[in-house]
């Protein structure tokens, strides 16, 4: 999808982007290879050609940090297909308090499509360990993480680095006019959860942590299991929402018709 995207260029919105597709300009290469395009002066097209050439070079080099700054956050979903094999899903649990008022992360879960890794306060949860793990990836997937998880971690762990594109599924679902939080979307889209954590939410996660601090191994095991379900399910949900978002742009209509 990213190579079909023109709304990363200044002054081009989704309507103009779609008009380019209608004219058979489906990719960055199509744009640059077109001698003239209706509505673009020679000077403006030359500037855009140069910009897209740089974009193509950086994409080919897999420079995720470049696109973190280059593309507006609401369009980071368009990078999912390109970076999905180098993506990590992230979800955190906290003690229920905000940063600066005694709040801290209790569990941080990471899932790359193969392995789930869990970082627990008092055991292995620190900035060095998180950075060591996160630097392996080029794309991050969360649910409401742009507002909660990531800012929370950045405020509570000095030196934490998260300069990669961020696909927030909460805002992706809202863009699709889908209502509800993570658990409701899972139900609506047929994504299952382990029975032992069904019905649990953020409040219960705080209570489980409090019990774990008092020495309950069962509570700690259940908290980790809850976080794992939250984290692992993000990849399946992200894939479903990506396909729906892509379909909503209309690009597939033009690709299937071979208008170029």
Protein backbone atom coordinates (compact mmCIF):
# COMPACT_ATOMS: atom_id res chain seq x y z
CA UNK A 1 0.00 0.00 0.00
CA UNK A 2 2.79 2.44 0.78
CA UNK A 3 4.01 2.51 -2.84
CA UNK A 4 0.48 3.45 -3.93
CA UNK A 5 0.39 6.33 -1.45
CA UNK A 6 0.55 9.92 -2.70
CA UNK A 7 -1.02 11.71 0.27
CA UNK A 8 2.46 11.82 1.81
CA UNK A 9 3.19 14.63 -0.65
CA UNK A 10 2.43 18.19 0.44
CA UNK A 11 -0.94 19.35 -0.84
CA UNK A 12 -2.19 15.90 -1.87
CA UNK A 13 -5.12 14.51 0.09
CA UNK A 14 -7.12 11.34 -0.32
CA UNK A 15 -9.37 12.81 -3.03
CA UNK A 16 -6.47 13.86 -5.24
CA UNK A 17 -4.72 10.59 -4.51
CA UNK A 18 -7.75 8.69 -5.78
CA UNK A 19 -7.92 10.87 -8.88
CA UNK A 20 -4.33 9.89 -9.66
CA UNK A 21 -5.32 6.24 -9.35
CA UNK A 22 -8.27 6.85 -11.67
CA UNK A 23 -5.83 8.25 -14.23
CA UNK A 24 -3.73 5.09 -14.01
CA UNK A 25 -1.04 6.54 -11.77
CA UNK A 26 -0.98 3.74 -9.20
CA UNK A 27 2.56 3.77 -7.88
CA UNK A 28 5.42 6.14 -7.14
CA UNK A 29 7.12 4.79 -10.26
CA UNK A 30 4.04 5.54 -12.37
CA UNK A 31 4.07 9.11 -11.08
CA UNK A 32 7.74 9.68 -11.85
CA UNK A 33 7.48 8.06 -15.29
CA UNK A 34 4.55 10.26 -16.36
CA UNK A 35 5.69 13.16 -18.51
CA UNK A 36 2.77 15.32 -17.50
CA UNK A 37 -0.01 15.05 -14.95
CA UNK A 38 -3.17 17.12 -14.98
CA UNK A 39 -3.15 19.71 -12.18
CA UNK A 40 0.61 19.58 -11.56
CA UNK A 41 2.92 22.23 -12.93
CA UNK A 42 6.25 21.10 -14.34
CA UNK A 43 8.01 22.65 -11.36
CA UNK A 44 5.77 20.99 -8.77
CA UNK A 45 5.98 17.61 -10.49
CA UNK A 46 9.78 17.84 -10.55
CA UNK A 47 9.80 18.50 -6.80
CA UNK A 48 7.45 15.58 -6.18
CA UNK A 49 9.49 13.32 -8.47
CA UNK A 50 12.60 14.04 -6.44
CA UNK A 51 10.74 13.53 -3.18
CA UNK A 52 9.34 10.17 -4.30
CA UNK A 53 12.74 9.05 -5.53
CA UNK A 54 14.15 9.68 -2.05
CA UNK A 55 11.17 7.91 -0.49
CA UNK A 56 11.74 4.88 -2.73
CA UNK A 57 15.43 4.76 -1.82
CA UNK A 58 14.70 4.97 1.90
CA UNK A 59 11.99 2.33 1.63
CA UNK A 60 14.33 0.04 -0.27
CA UNK A 61 16.88 0.50 2.49
CA UNK A 62 14.24 -0.35 5.10
CA UNK A 63 14.75 2.97 6.88
CA UNK A 64 11.83 2.85 9.29
CA UNK A 65 12.91 5.91 11.29
CA UNK A 66 12.78 7.99 8.11
CA UNK A 67 9.13 7.07 7.56
CA UNK A 68 8.27 7.63 11.22
CA UNK A 69 8.89 11.32 10.56
CA UNK A 70 8.01 11.40 6.86
CA UNK A 71 4.44 10.13 7.11
CA UNK A 72 1.66 11.53 9.26
CA UNK A 73 0.87 9.23 12.18
CA UNK A 74 -2.68 8.60 10.97
CA UNK A 75 -1.24 7.12 7.76
CA UNK A 76 1.33 4.83 9.40
CA UNK A 77 -1.06 1.92 8.81
CA UNK A 78 -0.08 2.08 5.12
CA UNK A 79 3.37 0.76 6.05
CA UNK A 80 2.02 -2.40 7.68
CA UNK A 81 2.33 -4.71 4.68
CA UNK A 82 5.91 -3.62 3.99
CA UNK A 83 7.17 -3.83 7.59
CA UNK A 84 4.92 -6.57 9.04
CA UNK A 85 7.72 -9.14 9.08
CA UNK A 86 9.79 -6.73 11.17
CA UNK A 87 6.93 -5.56 13.37
CA UNK A 88 6.37 -5.97 17.10
CA UNK A 89 3.09 -5.82 18.97
CA UNK A 90 3.26 -4.07 22.33
CA UNK A 91 0.88 -3.96 25.29
CA UNK A 92 1.50 -2.86 28.87
CA UNK A 93 -0.13 -3.31 32.25
CA UNK A 94 0.26 -0.73 35.02
CA UNK A 95 -0.48 -0.29 38.70
CA UNK A 96 -3.41 1.95 37.81
CA UNK A 97 -1.77 5.29 38.62
CA UNK A 98 -0.57 7.93 36.13
CA UNK A 99 3.12 8.68 35.56
CA UNK A 100 4.35 11.31 37.98
CA UNK A 101 1.82 10.24 40.60
CA UNK A 102 3.27 6.88 41.50
CA UNK A 103 2.34 5.15 38.27
CA UNK A 104 4.58 2.47 36.80
CA UNK A 105 4.39 -0.35 34.31
CA UNK A 106 3.99 -3.76 35.89
CA UNK A 107 4.20 -5.89 32.74
CA UNK A 108 5.30 -5.11 29.18
CA UNK A 109 4.46 -7.69 26.55
CA UNK A 110 6.06 -7.91 23.10
CA UNK A 111 5.08 -10.24 20.26
CA UNK A 112 6.69 -10.48 16.82
CA UNK A 113 4.45 -13.07 15.21
CA UNK A 114 6.53 -15.95 16.54
CA UNK A 115 7.52 -15.34 20.14
CA UNK A 116 5.91 -13.56 23.07
CA UNK A 117 8.32 -11.93 25.50
CA UNK A 118 7.29 -10.61 28.87
CA UNK A 119 9.07 -8.00 30.97
CA UNK A 120 8.00 -7.84 34.61
CA UNK A 121 8.70 -5.10 37.16
CA UNK A 122 11.27 -6.23 39.70
CA UNK A 123 12.56 -8.98 37.41
CA UNK A 124 13.65 -7.89 33.92
CA UNK A 125 11.68 -4.70 33.20
CA UNK A 126 14.04 -1.79 32.61
CA UNK A 127 14.97 0.63 29.82
CA UNK A 128 18.09 -1.28 28.80
CA UNK A 129 16.24 -4.55 28.31
CA UNK A 130 13.37 -2.87 26.48
CA UNK A 131 15.72 -0.98 24.16
CA UNK A 132 17.72 -4.15 23.47
CA UNK A 133 14.56 -5.93 22.40
CA UNK A 134 12.83 -3.06 20.60
CA UNK A 135 15.86 -2.21 18.47
CA UNK A 136 15.29 -5.50 16.63
CA UNK A 137 12.10 -4.13 15.07
CA UNK A 138 11.09 -1.48 12.55
CA UNK A 139 7.37 -1.12 13.21
CA UNK A 140 5.16 -1.15 16.28
CA UNK A 141 1.53 -2.23 16.62
CA UNK A 142 -0.62 -1.27 19.62
CA UNK A 143 -4.20 -0.62 20.63
CA UNK A 144 -4.51 2.96 21.91
CA UNK A 145 -0.78 2.84 22.47
CA UNK A 146 -0.15 6.19 20.81
CA UNK A 147 -2.13 7.79 23.63
CA UNK A 148 -1.43 5.46 26.56
CA UNK A 149 1.19 2.70 26.31
CA UNK A 150 4.00 4.49 24.49
CA UNK A 151 3.73 7.87 26.30
CA UNK A 152 3.52 5.98 29.61
CA UNK A 153 6.71 4.05 28.87
CA UNK A 154 8.56 7.13 27.63
CA UNK A 155 7.68 9.02 30.81
CA UNK A 156 8.66 6.21 33.17
CA UNK A 157 11.81 4.85 31.47
CA UNK A 158 14.61 7.34 30.83
CA UNK A 159 16.43 6.73 27.58
CA UNK A 160 13.77 4.54 26.01
CA UNK A 161 13.79 4.78 22.20
CA UNK A 162 10.70 4.27 20.05
CA UNK A 163 11.45 6.14 16.82
CA UNK A 164 9.66 3.78 14.46
CA UNK A 165 6.31 3.93 12.65
CA UNK A 166 3.35 3.18 14.90
CA UNK A 167 0.16 1.46 13.77
CA UNK A 168 -2.45 2.17 16.44
CA UNK A 169 -5.38 -0.19 15.93
CA UNK A 170 -7.72 1.89 18.05
CA UNK A 171 -7.59 4.76 15.58
CA UNK A 172 -7.57 2.37 12.63
CA UNK A 173 -10.86 0.89 13.82
CA UNK A 174 -12.34 4.34 14.39
CA UNK A 175 -11.36 5.32 10.85
CA UNK A 176 -13.41 2.34 9.73
CA UNK A 177 -16.33 3.46 11.95
CA UNK A 178 -16.01 0.35 14.09
CA UNK A 179 -17.08 0.82 17.70
CA UNK A 180 -15.72 -0.61 20.93
CA UNK A 181 -12.43 -1.45 22.57
CA UNK A 182 -10.02 -4.28 21.91
CA UNK A 183 -12.11 -7.01 23.50
CA UNK A 184 -15.31 -6.05 21.66
CA UNK A 185 -13.49 -5.88 18.33
CA UNK A 186 -12.04 -9.32 18.96
CA UNK A 187 -15.53 -10.71 19.51
CA UNK A 188 -16.96 -8.89 16.49
CA UNK A 189 -14.16 -10.18 14.24
CA UNK A 190 -14.06 -13.71 15.60
CA UNK A 191 -10.70 -13.50 17.35
CA UNK A 192 -10.64 -15.88 20.31
CA UNK A 193 -9.11 -15.64 23.78
CA UNK A 194 -8.01 -18.26 26.25
CA UNK A 195 -10.93 -19.07 28.52
CA UNK A 196 -9.05 -18.32 31.76
CA UNK A 197 -8.68 -14.62 30.87
CA UNK A 198 -12.01 -13.99 29.18
CA UNK A 199 -13.82 -11.14 30.86
CA UNK A 200 -10.70 -9.67 32.43
CA UNK A 201 -9.87 -6.00 31.86
CA UNK A 202 -7.58 -3.24 33.07
CA UNK A 203 -9.13 -3.05 36.53
CA UNK A 204 -8.64 -6.77 37.09
CA UNK A 205 -5.05 -6.49 35.83
CA UNK A 206 -4.32 -3.93 38.56
CA UNK A 207 -5.85 -6.20 41.19
CA UNK A 208 -3.85 -9.17 39.93
CA UNK A 209 -0.66 -7.16 40.27
CA UNK A 210 -1.55 -6.21 43.83
CA UNK A 211 -2.10 -9.89 44.64
CA UNK A 212 1.17 -10.82 42.95
CA UNK A 213 3.03 -8.27 45.05
CA UNK A 214 1.65 -9.99 48.13
CA UNK A 215 3.18 -13.23 46.93
CA UNK A 216 0.49 -14.89 44.80
CA UNK A 217 2.18 -16.83 41.99
CA UNK A 218 -1.22 -17.72 40.54
CA UNK A 219 -2.10 -14.03 40.23
CA UNK A 220 1.21 -13.30 38.50
CA UNK A 221 0.72 -16.19 36.09
CA UNK A 222 -2.80 -15.01 35.25
CA UNK A 223 -1.61 -11.40 34.76
CA UNK A 224 1.07 -12.53 32.32
CA UNK A 225 -1.43 -14.76 30.52
CA UNK A 226 -3.84 -11.80 30.25
CA UNK A 227 -1.12 -9.57 28.84
CA UNK A 228 -0.08 -12.26 26.38
CA UNK A 229 -3.60 -12.52 24.98
CA UNK A 230 -3.81 -8.74 24.62
CA UNK A 231 -0.43 -8.58 22.89
CA UNK A 232 -0.62 -11.61 20.62
CA UNK A 233 -4.11 -10.80 19.35
CA UNK A 234 -2.94 -7.42 18.09
CA UNK A 235 -1.25 -8.97 15.07
CA UNK A 236 -4.34 -10.77 13.86
CA UNK A 237 -6.50 -7.71 14.48
CA UNK A 238 -3.96 -5.48 12.75
CA UNK A 239 -3.96 -7.68 9.67
CA UNK A 240 -7.76 -7.62 9.45
CA UNK A 241 -7.97 -3.84 9.92
CA UNK A 242 -5.19 -3.23 7.41
CA UNK A 243 -7.08 -5.12 4.70
CA UNK A 244 -10.27 -3.22 5.53
CA UNK A 245 -8.45 0.13 5.46
CA UNK A 246 -6.78 -0.71 2.18
CA UNK A 247 -10.12 -1.70 0.69
CA UNK A 248 -11.68 1.54 1.95
CA UNK A 249 -9.20 3.63 -0.07
CA UNK A 250 -10.39 2.10 -3.35
CA UNK A 251 -6.91 1.21 -4.59
CA UNK A 252 -7.78 -2.47 -5.07
CA UNK A 253 -10.44 -1.54 -7.62
CA UNK A 254 -7.81 0.05 -9.83
CA UNK A 255 -5.16 -2.58 -9.26
CA UNK A 256 -7.57 -5.37 -10.18
CA UNK A 257 -8.73 -3.54 -13.31
CA UNK A 258 -5.17 -2.92 -14.45
CA UNK A 259 -5.86 0.68 -15.36
CA UNK A 260 -2.15 1.52 -15.49
